[in-house]
Amino acid sequence: MFLTALAAIALLATSCSDNDNEGTETVIEATELPDAARTFIATYFEGASCVRVEKQARPDSDGSVYDVHLSNGFEIDFDADGDWTDIDGNNQAVPAALIPAPIAQYVEANYASQTITTIGIESHGYDIELSNDVDLVFNQQGEFIRIDR
């Protein structure tokens, strides 16, 4: 009886966890990315190739539809149009050309020894993470709002 109950619980747990993720993402070829995303990768991550590209069935809360993992360790999320929504350098500096000037100036003035390793576009503006794991929040104009704790 105990073993039957244990087996039933294990089966239920397995079927529930499978259904939670079913159909949420599909691995696709890099050629299936929107043109804007492919151009972005070629421009700012020259020499890197797409190791894995996932297409979400439904956009994430930030509008991300495509999750791209590059050979250089960067992970980039793109929306349905191919515009980036999040860039995670995995402890590497995000290319300076992608950082809005007011944000770059603020970081240089206040965190000169740090680099920006993650940047995300949010409804309020930008969230960034520095190489020292400090998270900063900026508005849409790139003005500093607060340290995110």
N, C-alpha and C. Protein backbone atom coordinates (compact mmCIF):
# COMPACT_ATOMS: atom_id res chain seq x y z
N MET A 1 0.82 -1.19 0.00
CA MET A 1 0.00 0.00 0.00
C MET A 1 0.87 1.26 0.00
N PHE A 2 1.87 1.25 0.86
CA PHE A 2 2.77 2.41 0.95
C PHE A 2 3.49 2.63 -0.37
N LEU A 3 3.98 1.55 -0.98
CA LEU A 3 4.69 1.67 -2.24
C LEU A 3 3.78 2.15 -3.36
N THR A 4 2.54 1.72 -3.35
CA THR A 4 1.57 2.16 -4.35
C THR A 4 1.31 3.66 -4.21
N ALA A 5 1.14 4.12 -2.99
CA ALA A 5 0.92 5.54 -2.74
C ALA A 5 2.13 6.36 -3.15
N LEU A 6 3.32 5.87 -2.83
CA LEU A 6 4.55 6.56 -3.19
C LEU A 6 4.69 6.64 -4.70
N ALA A 7 4.39 5.57 -5.39
CA ALA A 7 4.47 5.55 -6.86
C ALA A 7 3.46 6.53 -7.46
N ALA A 8 2.27 6.59 -6.90
CA ALA A 8 1.24 7.51 -7.40
C ALA A 8 1.68 8.96 -7.21
N ILE A 9 2.27 9.26 -6.07
CA ILE A 9 2.75 10.62 -5.82
C ILE A 9 3.87 10.98 -6.78
N ALA A 10 4.80 10.07 -7.00
CA ALA A 10 5.91 10.31 -7.93
C ALA A 10 5.39 10.55 -9.34
N LEU A 11 4.42 9.75 -9.78
CA LEU A 11 3.84 9.90 -11.10
C LEU A 11 3.13 11.25 -11.23
N LEU A 12 2.38 11.63 -10.21
CA LEU A 12 1.68 12.91 -10.22
C LEU A 12 2.66 14.06 -10.27
N ALA A 13 3.72 14.00 -9.47
CA ALA A 13 4.72 15.07 -9.46
C ALA A 13 5.40 15.20 -10.81
N THR A 14 5.71 14.07 -11.45
CA THR A 14 6.35 14.09 -12.75
C THR A 14 5.43 14.69 -13.80
N SER A 15 4.18 14.27 -13.81
CA SER A 15 3.26 14.79 -14.83
C SER A 15 2.97 16.26 -14.62
N CYS A 16 2.90 16.73 -13.39
CA CYS A 16 2.67 18.16 -13.13
C CYS A 16 3.85 18.99 -13.59
N SER A 17 5.07 18.55 -13.29
CA SER A 17 6.22 19.35 -13.67
C SER A 17 6.39 19.38 -15.19
N ASP A 18 6.05 18.31 -15.88
CA ASP A 18 6.13 18.31 -17.34
C ASP A 18 5.12 19.27 -17.94
N ASN A 19 3.93 19.33 -17.41
CA ASN A 19 2.90 20.20 -17.96
C ASN A 19 3.17 21.67 -17.71
N ASP A 20 3.87 21.99 -16.64
CA ASP A 20 4.16 23.39 -16.33
C ASP A 20 5.00 24.04 -17.42
N ASN A 21 5.89 23.29 -18.05
CA ASN A 21 6.80 23.86 -19.02
C ASN A 21 6.46 23.49 -20.46
N GLU A 22 5.45 22.69 -20.64
CA GLU A 22 5.13 22.20 -21.97
C GLU A 22 4.78 23.35 -22.91
N GLY A 23 5.49 23.39 -24.03
CA GLY A 23 5.17 24.35 -25.07
C GLY A 23 5.61 25.77 -24.78
N THR A 24 6.41 26.02 -23.76
CA THR A 24 6.79 27.40 -23.46
C THR A 24 7.98 27.86 -24.27
N GLU A 25 8.85 26.94 -24.71
CA GLU A 25 9.99 27.34 -25.51
C GLU A 25 10.34 26.25 -26.51
N THR A 26 10.86 26.70 -27.64
CA THR A 26 11.27 25.78 -28.69
C THR A 26 12.66 26.20 -29.15
N VAL A 27 13.55 25.25 -29.31
CA VAL A 27 14.88 25.55 -29.86
C VAL A 27 14.71 25.74 -31.36
N ILE A 28 15.26 26.85 -31.86
CA ILE A 28 15.17 27.16 -33.29
C ILE A 28 16.58 27.42 -33.83
N GLU A 29 16.68 27.54 -35.13
CA GLU A 29 17.94 27.89 -35.79
C GLU A 29 18.14 29.40 -35.71
N ALA A 30 19.38 29.84 -35.68
CA ALA A 30 19.69 31.27 -35.63
C ALA A 30 19.13 31.99 -36.86
N THR A 31 19.03 31.29 -37.97
CA THR A 31 18.48 31.90 -39.20
C THR A 31 17.01 32.26 -39.06
N GLU A 32 16.34 31.70 -38.04
CA GLU A 32 14.92 32.00 -37.81
C GLU A 32 14.71 33.25 -36.96
N LEU A 33 15.81 33.83 -36.45
CA LEU A 33 15.68 35.08 -35.70
C LEU A 33 15.27 36.20 -36.65
N PRO A 34 14.58 37.22 -36.13
CA PRO A 34 14.28 38.38 -36.99
C PRO A 34 15.58 39.00 -37.51
N ASP A 35 15.51 39.62 -38.68
CA ASP A 35 16.69 40.24 -39.29
C ASP A 35 17.38 41.21 -38.33
N ALA A 36 16.59 42.00 -37.60
CA ALA A 36 17.17 42.99 -36.68
C ALA A 36 18.04 42.33 -35.62
N ALA A 37 17.62 41.19 -35.11
CA ALA A 37 18.40 40.48 -34.09
C ALA A 37 19.69 39.92 -34.68
N ARG A 38 19.61 39.36 -35.87
CA ARG A 38 20.82 38.82 -36.51
C ARG A 38 21.81 39.93 -36.82
N THR A 39 21.30 41.07 -37.27
CA THR A 39 22.17 42.22 -37.56
C THR A 39 22.81 42.74 -36.28
N PHE A 40 22.03 42.81 -35.22
CA PHE A 40 22.53 43.27 -33.91
C PHE A 40 23.68 42.39 -33.44
N ILE A 41 23.51 41.09 -33.51
CA ILE A 41 24.55 40.15 -33.06
C ILE A 41 25.81 40.32 -33.92
N ALA A 42 25.64 40.40 -35.23
CA ALA A 42 26.79 40.55 -36.13
C ALA A 42 27.52 41.87 -35.89
N THR A 43 26.79 42.91 -35.54
CA THR A 43 27.37 44.24 -35.34
C THR A 43 28.10 44.36 -34.01
N TYR A 44 27.47 43.94 -32.93
CA TYR A 44 28.01 44.19 -31.59
C TYR A 44 28.75 42.99 -30.99
N PHE A 45 28.60 41.84 -31.58
CA PHE A 45 29.25 40.62 -31.06
C PHE A 45 29.95 39.90 -32.20
N GLU A 46 30.71 40.67 -32.96
CA GLU A 46 31.42 40.15 -34.13
C GLU A 46 32.29 38.96 -33.74
N GLY A 47 32.19 37.92 -34.50
CA GLY A 47 32.99 36.72 -34.26
C GLY A 47 32.30 35.70 -33.36
N ALA A 48 31.25 36.11 -32.67
CA ALA A 48 30.50 35.18 -31.82
C ALA A 48 29.43 34.49 -32.66
N SER A 49 29.19 33.25 -32.34
CA SER A 49 28.13 32.53 -33.03
C SER A 49 27.02 32.15 -32.04
N CYS A 50 25.87 31.87 -32.57
CA CYS A 50 24.74 31.45 -31.73
C CYS A 50 24.91 29.98 -31.38
N VAL A 51 25.00 29.71 -30.08
CA VAL A 51 25.14 28.34 -29.59
C VAL A 51 23.76 27.72 -29.41
N ARG A 52 22.83 28.52 -28.93
CA ARG A 52 21.46 28.04 -28.69
C ARG A 52 20.51 29.24 -28.84
N VAL A 53 19.40 29.01 -29.55
CA VAL A 53 18.37 30.03 -29.72
C VAL A 53 17.04 29.39 -29.34
N GLU A 54 16.36 30.02 -28.39
CA GLU A 54 15.06 29.52 -27.94
C GLU A 54 14.00 30.56 -28.25
N LYS A 55 12.87 30.09 -28.74
CA LYS A 55 11.73 30.97 -29.00
C LYS A 55 10.66 30.65 -27.97
N GLN A 56 10.21 31.67 -27.26
CA GLN A 56 9.18 31.52 -26.24
C GLN A 56 7.80 31.48 -26.91
N ALA A 57 6.92 30.64 -26.41
CA ALA A 57 5.55 30.56 -26.94
C ALA A 57 4.79 31.85 -26.63
N ARG A 58 5.09 32.42 -25.47
CA ARG A 58 4.46 33.68 -25.05
C ARG A 58 5.56 34.61 -24.59
N PRO A 59 5.46 35.90 -24.89
CA PRO A 59 6.50 36.83 -24.44
C PRO A 59 6.63 36.83 -22.91
N ASP A 60 7.87 36.97 -22.43
CA ASP A 60 8.10 37.14 -20.99
C ASP A 60 7.54 38.48 -20.56
N SER A 61 7.63 38.77 -19.28
CA SER A 61 7.09 40.03 -18.75
C SER A 61 7.76 41.25 -19.37
N ASP A 62 9.01 41.10 -19.85
CA ASP A 62 9.69 42.24 -20.47
C ASP A 62 9.51 42.25 -21.99
N GLY A 63 8.70 41.37 -22.52
CA GLY A 63 8.44 41.33 -23.95
C GLY A 63 9.37 40.41 -24.71
N SER A 64 10.28 39.74 -24.00
CA SER A 64 11.24 38.86 -24.68
C SER A 64 10.55 37.66 -25.31
N VAL A 65 10.94 37.37 -26.52
CA VAL A 65 10.42 36.23 -27.25
C VAL A 65 11.55 35.25 -27.58
N TYR A 66 12.74 35.79 -27.86
CA TYR A 66 13.88 34.98 -28.24
C TYR A 66 14.98 35.08 -27.18
N ASP A 67 15.52 33.93 -26.77
CA ASP A 67 16.66 33.87 -25.86
C ASP A 67 17.83 33.31 -26.65
N VAL A 68 18.88 34.11 -26.79
CA VAL A 68 20.02 33.72 -27.60
C VAL A 68 21.25 33.57 -26.72
N HIS A 69 21.91 32.42 -26.83
CA HIS A 69 23.15 32.14 -26.10
C HIS A 69 24.28 32.16 -27.12
N LEU A 70 25.26 33.04 -26.90
CA LEU A 70 26.36 33.18 -27.84
C LEU A 70 27.59 32.38 -27.40
N SER A 71 28.45 32.10 -28.34
CA SER A 71 29.66 31.32 -28.07
C SER A 71 30.62 32.04 -27.13
N ASN A 72 30.51 33.36 -27.01
CA ASN A 72 31.39 34.12 -26.13
C ASN A 72 30.84 34.25 -24.70
N GLY A 73 29.74 33.58 -24.41
CA GLY A 73 29.17 33.59 -23.06
C GLY A 73 28.05 34.59 -22.85
N PHE A 74 27.82 35.49 -23.78
CA PHE A 74 26.73 36.46 -23.64
C PHE A 74 25.39 35.78 -23.88
N GLU A 75 24.37 36.27 -23.18
CA GLU A 75 22.99 35.85 -23.40
C GLU A 75 22.18 37.10 -23.69
N ILE A 76 21.44 37.07 -24.78
CA ILE A 76 20.67 38.24 -25.21
C ILE A 76 19.24 37.82 -25.43
N ASP A 77 18.31 38.62 -24.90
CA ASP A 77 16.89 38.42 -25.14
C ASP A 77 16.42 39.46 -26.15
N PHE A 78 15.59 39.03 -27.08
CA PHE A 78 15.04 39.91 -28.10
C PHE A 78 13.52 39.81 -28.08
N ASP A 79 12.86 40.90 -28.48
CA ASP A 79 11.40 40.86 -28.61
C ASP A 79 11.04 40.33 -29.99
N ALA A 80 9.77 40.29 -30.30
CA ALA A 80 9.29 39.71 -31.56
C ALA A 80 9.83 40.44 -32.78
N ASP A 81 10.16 41.73 -32.64
CA ASP A 81 10.70 42.52 -33.75
C ASP A 81 12.20 42.37 -33.91
N GLY A 82 12.85 41.72 -32.94
CA GLY A 82 14.30 41.57 -32.99
C GLY A 82 15.05 42.66 -32.26
N ASP A 83 14.34 43.45 -31.44
CA ASP A 83 14.99 44.48 -30.62
C ASP A 83 15.40 43.85 -29.29
N TRP A 84 16.60 44.15 -28.82
CA TRP A 84 17.06 43.54 -27.58
C TRP A 84 16.27 44.08 -26.39
N THR A 85 16.05 43.20 -25.41
CA THR A 85 15.38 43.60 -24.18
C THR A 85 16.27 43.38 -22.97
N ASP A 86 17.27 42.47 -23.12
CA ASP A 86 18.16 42.17 -22.00
C ASP A 86 19.47 41.61 -22.56
N ILE A 87 20.58 42.09 -22.00
CA ILE A 87 21.90 41.59 -22.39
C ILE A 87 22.62 41.21 -21.11
N ASP A 88 22.99 39.95 -21.00
CA ASP A 88 23.71 39.45 -19.83
C ASP A 88 25.08 38.97 -20.29
N GLY A 89 26.12 39.65 -19.81
CA GLY A 89 27.48 39.32 -20.20
C GLY A 89 28.09 38.19 -19.40
N ASN A 90 27.35 37.69 -18.40
CA ASN A 90 27.90 36.64 -17.54
C ASN A 90 29.30 37.03 -17.05
N ASN A 91 29.33 38.16 -16.37
CA ASN A 91 30.55 38.74 -15.77
C ASN A 91 31.49 39.38 -16.77
N GLN A 92 31.08 39.55 -18.01
CA GLN A 92 31.85 40.27 -19.02
C GLN A 92 31.18 41.62 -19.24
N ALA A 93 31.95 42.61 -19.64
CA ALA A 93 31.41 43.95 -19.89
C ALA A 93 30.52 43.96 -21.13
N VAL A 94 29.35 44.56 -20.99
CA VAL A 94 28.46 44.78 -22.12
C VAL A 94 29.16 45.79 -23.04
N PRO A 95 29.13 45.60 -24.35
CA PRO A 95 29.78 46.56 -25.25
C PRO A 95 29.33 48.00 -24.96
N ALA A 96 30.30 48.89 -24.85
CA ALA A 96 30.04 50.28 -24.48
C ALA A 96 29.06 50.96 -25.44
N ALA A 97 29.09 50.60 -26.70
CA ALA A 97 28.20 51.23 -27.68
C ALA A 97 26.72 50.96 -27.39
N LEU A 98 26.43 49.97 -26.54
CA LEU A 98 25.04 49.63 -26.24
C LEU A 98 24.52 50.32 -24.97
N ILE A 99 25.37 51.01 -24.28
CA ILE A 99 24.99 51.68 -23.03
C ILE A 99 24.61 53.12 -23.34
N PRO A 100 23.38 53.54 -22.99
CA PRO A 100 23.01 54.95 -23.21
C PRO A 100 24.02 55.88 -22.52
N ALA A 101 24.37 56.97 -23.18
CA ALA A 101 25.41 57.89 -22.69
C ALA A 101 25.20 58.34 -21.25
N PRO A 102 23.98 58.76 -20.83
CA PRO A 102 23.83 59.20 -19.44
C PRO A 102 24.13 58.10 -18.42
N ILE A 103 23.82 56.86 -18.77
CA ILE A 103 24.10 55.73 -17.87
C ILE A 103 25.61 55.49 -17.80
N ALA A 104 26.26 55.48 -18.95
CA ALA A 104 27.71 55.30 -18.98
C ALA A 104 28.41 56.39 -18.19
N GLN A 105 27.95 57.62 -18.32
CA GLN A 105 28.55 58.74 -17.59
C GLN A 105 28.34 58.60 -16.08
N TYR A 106 27.15 58.19 -15.68
CA TYR A 106 26.87 58.00 -14.25
C TYR A 106 27.78 56.91 -13.66
N VAL A 107 27.87 55.80 -14.36
CA VAL A 107 28.70 54.69 -13.87
C VAL A 107 30.17 55.12 -13.81
N GLU A 108 30.64 55.81 -14.83
CA GLU A 108 32.04 56.27 -14.83
C GLU A 108 32.29 57.22 -13.67
N ALA A 109 31.36 58.11 -13.38
CA ALA A 109 31.54 59.10 -12.31
C ALA A 109 31.43 58.48 -10.92
N ASN A 110 30.59 57.46 -10.76
CA ASN A 110 30.30 56.92 -9.43
C ASN A 110 30.85 55.53 -9.16
N TYR A 111 31.19 54.80 -10.21
CA TYR A 111 31.69 53.43 -10.07
C TYR A 111 32.80 53.20 -11.09
N ALA A 112 33.78 54.07 -11.10
CA ALA A 112 34.82 54.10 -12.14
C ALA A 112 35.54 52.77 -12.32
N SER A 113 35.70 52.00 -11.27
CA SER A 113 36.44 50.75 -11.39
C SER A 113 35.56 49.57 -11.79
N GLN A 114 34.29 49.81 -12.03
CA GLN A 114 33.34 48.74 -12.35
C GLN A 114 32.93 48.79 -13.82
N THR A 115 32.47 47.65 -14.32
CA THR A 115 31.91 47.60 -15.67
C THR A 115 30.45 47.16 -15.58
N ILE A 116 29.71 47.47 -16.61
CA ILE A 116 28.31 47.05 -16.70
C ILE A 116 28.30 45.65 -17.31
N THR A 117 27.80 44.68 -16.55
CA THR A 117 27.80 43.29 -17.02
C THR A 117 26.42 42.82 -17.49
N THR A 118 25.38 43.55 -17.11
CA THR A 118 24.02 43.22 -17.53
C THR A 118 23.25 44.52 -17.70
N ILE A 119 22.45 44.58 -18.76
CA ILE A 119 21.55 45.72 -18.96
C ILE A 119 20.22 45.20 -19.48
N GLY A 120 19.15 45.70 -18.91
CA GLY A 120 17.81 45.31 -19.33
C GLY A 120 16.93 46.52 -19.52
N ILE A 121 16.10 46.47 -20.52
CA ILE A 121 15.12 47.53 -20.75
C ILE A 121 13.83 47.12 -20.06
N GLU A 122 13.36 47.96 -19.17
CA GLU A 122 12.14 47.70 -18.41
C GLU A 122 11.13 48.81 -18.70
N SER A 123 9.92 48.67 -18.20
CA SER A 123 8.88 49.69 -18.45
C SER A 123 9.27 51.04 -17.86
N HIS A 124 10.01 51.05 -16.76
CA HIS A 124 10.42 52.30 -16.12
C HIS A 124 11.68 52.89 -16.74
N GLY A 125 12.43 52.08 -17.46
CA GLY A 125 13.70 52.53 -18.02
C GLY A 125 14.68 51.39 -18.15
N TYR A 126 15.80 51.47 -17.41
CA TYR A 126 16.87 50.47 -17.52
C TYR A 126 17.26 49.93 -16.16
N ASP A 127 17.53 48.65 -16.11
CA ASP A 127 18.14 48.01 -14.95
C ASP A 127 19.51 47.55 -15.40
N ILE A 128 20.53 47.85 -14.60
CA ILE A 128 21.86 47.38 -14.94
C ILE A 128 22.48 46.70 -13.73
N GLU A 129 23.42 45.82 -14.01
CA GLU A 129 24.20 45.19 -12.95
C GLU A 129 25.66 45.47 -13.24
N LEU A 130 26.37 45.86 -12.18
CA LEU A 130 27.80 46.14 -12.31
C LEU A 130 28.62 44.90 -11.97
N SER A 131 29.89 44.95 -12.30
CA SER A 131 30.78 43.82 -12.04
C SER A 131 30.95 43.52 -10.56
N ASN A 132 30.58 44.46 -9.69
CA ASN A 132 30.63 44.20 -8.24
C ASN A 132 29.27 43.75 -7.70
N ASP A 133 28.35 43.36 -8.59
CA ASP A 133 27.01 42.87 -8.27
C ASP A 133 26.06 43.93 -7.74
N VAL A 134 26.39 45.20 -7.88
CA VAL A 134 25.47 46.28 -7.52
C VAL A 134 24.49 46.46 -8.67
N ASP A 135 23.20 46.52 -8.35
CA ASP A 135 22.15 46.73 -9.34
C ASP A 135 21.68 48.18 -9.27
N LEU A 136 21.67 48.84 -10.43
CA LEU A 136 21.24 50.23 -10.50
C LEU A 136 20.03 50.34 -11.40
N VAL A 137 19.15 51.28 -11.06
CA VAL A 137 17.92 51.51 -11.82
C VAL A 137 17.96 52.93 -12.38
N PHE A 138 17.63 53.06 -13.66
CA PHE A 138 17.62 54.34 -14.35
C PHE A 138 16.26 54.51 -15.03
N ASN A 139 15.84 55.77 -15.22
CA ASN A 139 14.59 56.00 -15.94
C ASN A 139 14.84 55.92 -17.45
N GLN A 140 13.82 56.19 -18.24
CA GLN A 140 13.92 56.04 -19.69
C GLN A 140 14.89 57.03 -20.32
N GLN A 141 15.16 58.14 -19.62
CA GLN A 141 16.12 59.12 -20.12
C GLN A 141 17.55 58.80 -19.66
N GLY A 142 17.71 57.73 -18.89
CA GLY A 142 19.02 57.34 -18.42
C GLY A 142 19.44 58.05 -17.14
N GLU A 143 18.48 58.66 -16.45
CA GLU A 143 18.78 59.35 -15.18
C GLU A 143 18.70 58.33 -14.04
N PHE A 144 19.68 58.40 -13.14
CA PHE A 144 19.74 57.48 -12.01
C PHE A 144 18.51 57.64 -11.12
N ILE A 145 17.90 56.51 -10.73
CA ILE A 145 16.76 56.50 -9.82
C ILE A 145 17.19 55.99 -8.45
N ARG A 146 17.79 54.78 -8.44
CA ARG A 146 18.13 54.19 -7.14
C ARG A 146 19.03 52.97 -7.33
N ILE A 147 19.61 52.56 -6.21
CA ILE A 147 20.28 51.26 -6.14
C ILE A 147 19.20 50.25 -5.82
N ASP A 148 19.15 49.17 -6.57
CA ASP A 148 18.14 48.13 -6.36
C ASP A 148 18.71 47.10 -5.41
N ARG A 149 18.07 46.92 -4.30
CA ARG A 149 18.58 45.98 -3.29
C ARG A 149 17.77 44.71 -3.29
